[in-house]
Amino acid sequence: MRPSRPAKRHLLPGGEAGAMVEFALVLPVLVLCLCGIIDFGNIFLQWNLANEASREAARYAATYKSSGNPPNKTAVQTYINGIYPSVTLSQLTPSTPTSGNTVTATVTNSVTIMTPIISAFFPNNPFTLTGKTTMLVE
């Protein structure tokens, strides 16, 4: 009976070259998946940031009480830029909120998609994300 040598099996000629070819074929797909995960994670982060900023802007406009004057769009934009410098308050409806009514804050944020193949799916790069919140003015 012949003794088995399992450690010698991987040293067969051509075995390592086949593994390198397989790795070379799979590597671009893995890199594309990784870049896609990073890009979509960044999009989700910026979308969440826009929603948080819109909630903060609407809450500020709905609860601000300083000398009886309700805040205007410029005051809310200044407040939001202090917390979230990359977002823009695109709309505050009504422009000067009054007690008992609702106020709607719309915030935009842009995100650049870095992976060239992923950016082909988005016609506008940088991609604009919008957050919108409505609250009752106190």
Protein backbone atom coordinates (compact mmCIF):
# COMPACT_ATOMS: atom_id res chain seq x y z
CA MET A 1 0.00 0.00 0.00
CA ARG A 2 1.26 3.39 -0.97
CA PRO A 3 1.34 6.17 1.71
CA SER A 4 -0.79 9.22 0.88
CA ARG A 5 0.84 12.63 0.81
CA PRO A 6 -1.90 15.29 0.87
CA ALA A 7 0.60 18.11 1.29
CA LYS A 8 2.06 17.44 -2.14
CA ARG A 9 -1.27 17.82 -3.99
CA HIS A 10 -1.18 21.61 -4.25
CA LEU A 11 2.25 21.53 -5.89
CA LEU A 12 0.97 20.02 -9.11
CA PRO A 13 2.12 21.90 -12.22
CA GLY A 14 -0.30 24.62 -13.36
CA GLY A 15 -2.27 24.75 -10.09
CA GLU A 16 -0.89 28.10 -8.97
CA ALA A 17 -1.23 29.65 -12.43
CA GLY A 18 -4.92 28.67 -12.48
CA ALA A 19 -5.50 30.34 -9.13
CA MET A 20 -3.85 33.54 -10.34
CA VAL A 21 -6.02 33.61 -13.47
CA GLU A 22 -9.14 33.04 -11.41
CA PHE A 23 -8.11 35.84 -9.02
CA ALA A 24 -7.44 38.16 -11.96
CA LEU A 25 -10.95 37.49 -13.30
CA VAL A 26 -12.71 37.97 -9.96
CA LEU A 27 -10.74 40.99 -8.68
CA PRO A 28 -12.42 43.67 -10.90
CA VAL A 29 -15.87 42.47 -9.83
CA LEU A 30 -14.88 42.57 -6.17
CA VAL A 31 -13.40 46.07 -6.50
CA LEU A 32 -16.55 47.30 -8.30
CA CYS A 33 -18.74 45.86 -5.54
CA LEU A 34 -16.59 47.48 -2.86
CA CYS A 35 -16.65 50.88 -4.60
CA GLY A 36 -20.43 50.58 -5.05
CA ILE A 37 -20.89 49.85 -1.36
CA ILE A 38 -18.78 52.89 -0.47
CA ASP A 39 -20.65 55.17 -2.92
CA PHE A 40 -24.11 54.07 -1.81
CA GLY A 41 -23.06 54.35 1.83
CA ASN A 42 -21.98 57.93 1.16
CA ILE A 43 -25.28 58.67 -0.61
CA PHE A 44 -27.22 57.26 2.34
CA LEU A 45 -25.14 59.31 4.79
CA GLN A 46 -25.73 62.55 2.86
CA TRP A 47 -29.47 61.76 2.49
CA ASN A 48 -29.69 61.23 6.25
CA LEU A 49 -27.81 64.51 6.79
CA ALA A 50 -30.30 66.38 4.57
CA ASN A 51 -33.25 64.91 6.50
CA GLU A 52 -31.68 65.75 9.86
CA ALA A 53 -30.95 69.31 8.71
CA SER A 54 -34.54 69.79 7.48
CA ARG A 55 -35.88 68.58 10.84
CA GLU A 56 -33.54 70.92 12.67
CA ALA A 57 -34.52 73.87 10.45
CA ALA A 58 -38.25 73.23 10.84
CA ARG A 59 -37.88 72.81 14.60
CA TYR A 60 -35.87 76.02 14.88
CA ALA A 61 -38.45 77.95 12.85
CA ALA A 62 -41.35 76.42 14.82
CA THR A 63 -40.00 77.08 18.33
CA TYR A 64 -37.83 80.19 18.00
CA LYS A 65 -38.99 82.96 20.33
CA SER A 66 -36.72 85.96 20.55
CA SER A 67 -38.32 89.33 21.25
CA GLY A 68 -41.56 88.13 19.67
CA ASN A 69 -40.13 88.05 16.13
CA PRO A 70 -40.42 84.77 14.18
CA PRO A 71 -37.30 83.79 12.22
CA ASN A 72 -37.04 84.39 8.50
CA LYS A 73 -35.29 82.22 5.90
CA THR A 74 -31.93 83.98 6.40
CA ALA A 75 -31.95 83.41 10.16
CA VAL A 76 -32.81 79.73 9.74
CA GLN A 77 -30.11 79.30 7.06
CA THR A 78 -27.53 80.88 9.37
CA TYR A 79 -28.58 78.57 12.20
CA ILE A 80 -28.46 75.46 9.98
CA ASN A 81 -25.05 76.38 8.51
CA GLY A 82 -23.67 76.51 12.04
CA ILE A 83 -24.62 72.85 12.53
CA TYR A 84 -24.52 71.42 8.98
CA PRO A 85 -22.17 73.55 6.83
CA SER A 86 -22.66 71.54 3.63
CA VAL A 87 -26.46 71.88 3.34
CA THR A 88 -28.57 74.66 1.85
CA LEU A 89 -32.01 75.71 3.01
CA SER A 90 -33.79 75.90 -0.33
CA GLN A 91 -37.27 76.74 0.92
CA LEU A 92 -38.99 77.86 4.12
CA THR A 93 -42.77 78.03 3.79
CA PRO A 94 -44.12 80.41 4.97
CA SER A 95 -41.10 82.68 4.93
CA THR A 96 -42.02 84.09 8.36
CA PRO A 97 -43.87 81.43 10.41
CA THR A 98 -46.77 82.48 12.64
CA SER A 99 -48.11 80.71 15.71
CA GLY A 100 -50.75 78.06 15.08
CA ASN A 101 -49.73 77.43 11.45
CA THR A 102 -47.33 74.91 9.97
CA VAL A 103 -43.85 75.62 8.70
CA THR A 104 -42.15 73.52 6.03
CA ALA A 105 -38.37 73.45 5.65
CA THR A 106 -36.79 72.00 2.52
CA VAL A 107 -33.06 71.38 2.60
CA THR A 108 -30.81 70.27 -0.28
CA ASN A 109 -27.45 68.58 -0.13
CA SER A 110 -25.24 67.36 -2.97
CA VAL A 111 -23.07 64.26 -3.08
CA THR A 112 -20.45 63.39 -5.69
CA ILE A 113 -20.40 59.79 -6.86
CA MET A 114 -16.76 58.76 -7.16
CA THR A 115 -16.86 55.42 -8.98
CA PRO A 116 -17.09 55.98 -12.76
CA ILE A 117 -19.22 52.93 -13.50
CA ILE A 118 -21.64 53.69 -10.65
CA SER A 119 -21.89 57.36 -11.71
CA ALA A 120 -23.15 56.20 -15.13
CA PHE A 121 -26.44 55.28 -13.42
CA PHE A 122 -26.87 58.85 -12.14
CA PRO A 123 -27.26 61.42 -14.95
CA ASN A 124 -26.43 64.36 -12.67
CA ASN A 125 -23.15 64.17 -10.83
CA PRO A 126 -22.98 65.65 -8.17
CA PHE A 127 -26.32 64.14 -7.20
CA THR A 128 -28.72 66.42 -5.28
CA LEU A 129 -30.54 65.04 -2.26
CA THR A 130 -33.54 66.73 -0.62
CA GLY A 131 -34.93 66.60 2.89
CA LYS A 132 -38.34 68.08 3.72
CA THR A 133 -40.04 68.47 7.11
CA THR A 134 -43.31 70.09 8.20
CA MET A 135 -43.96 71.10 11.82
CA LEU A 136 -46.60 73.01 13.72
CA VAL A 137 -45.46 76.44 14.95
CA GLU A 138 -45.82 76.82 18.72
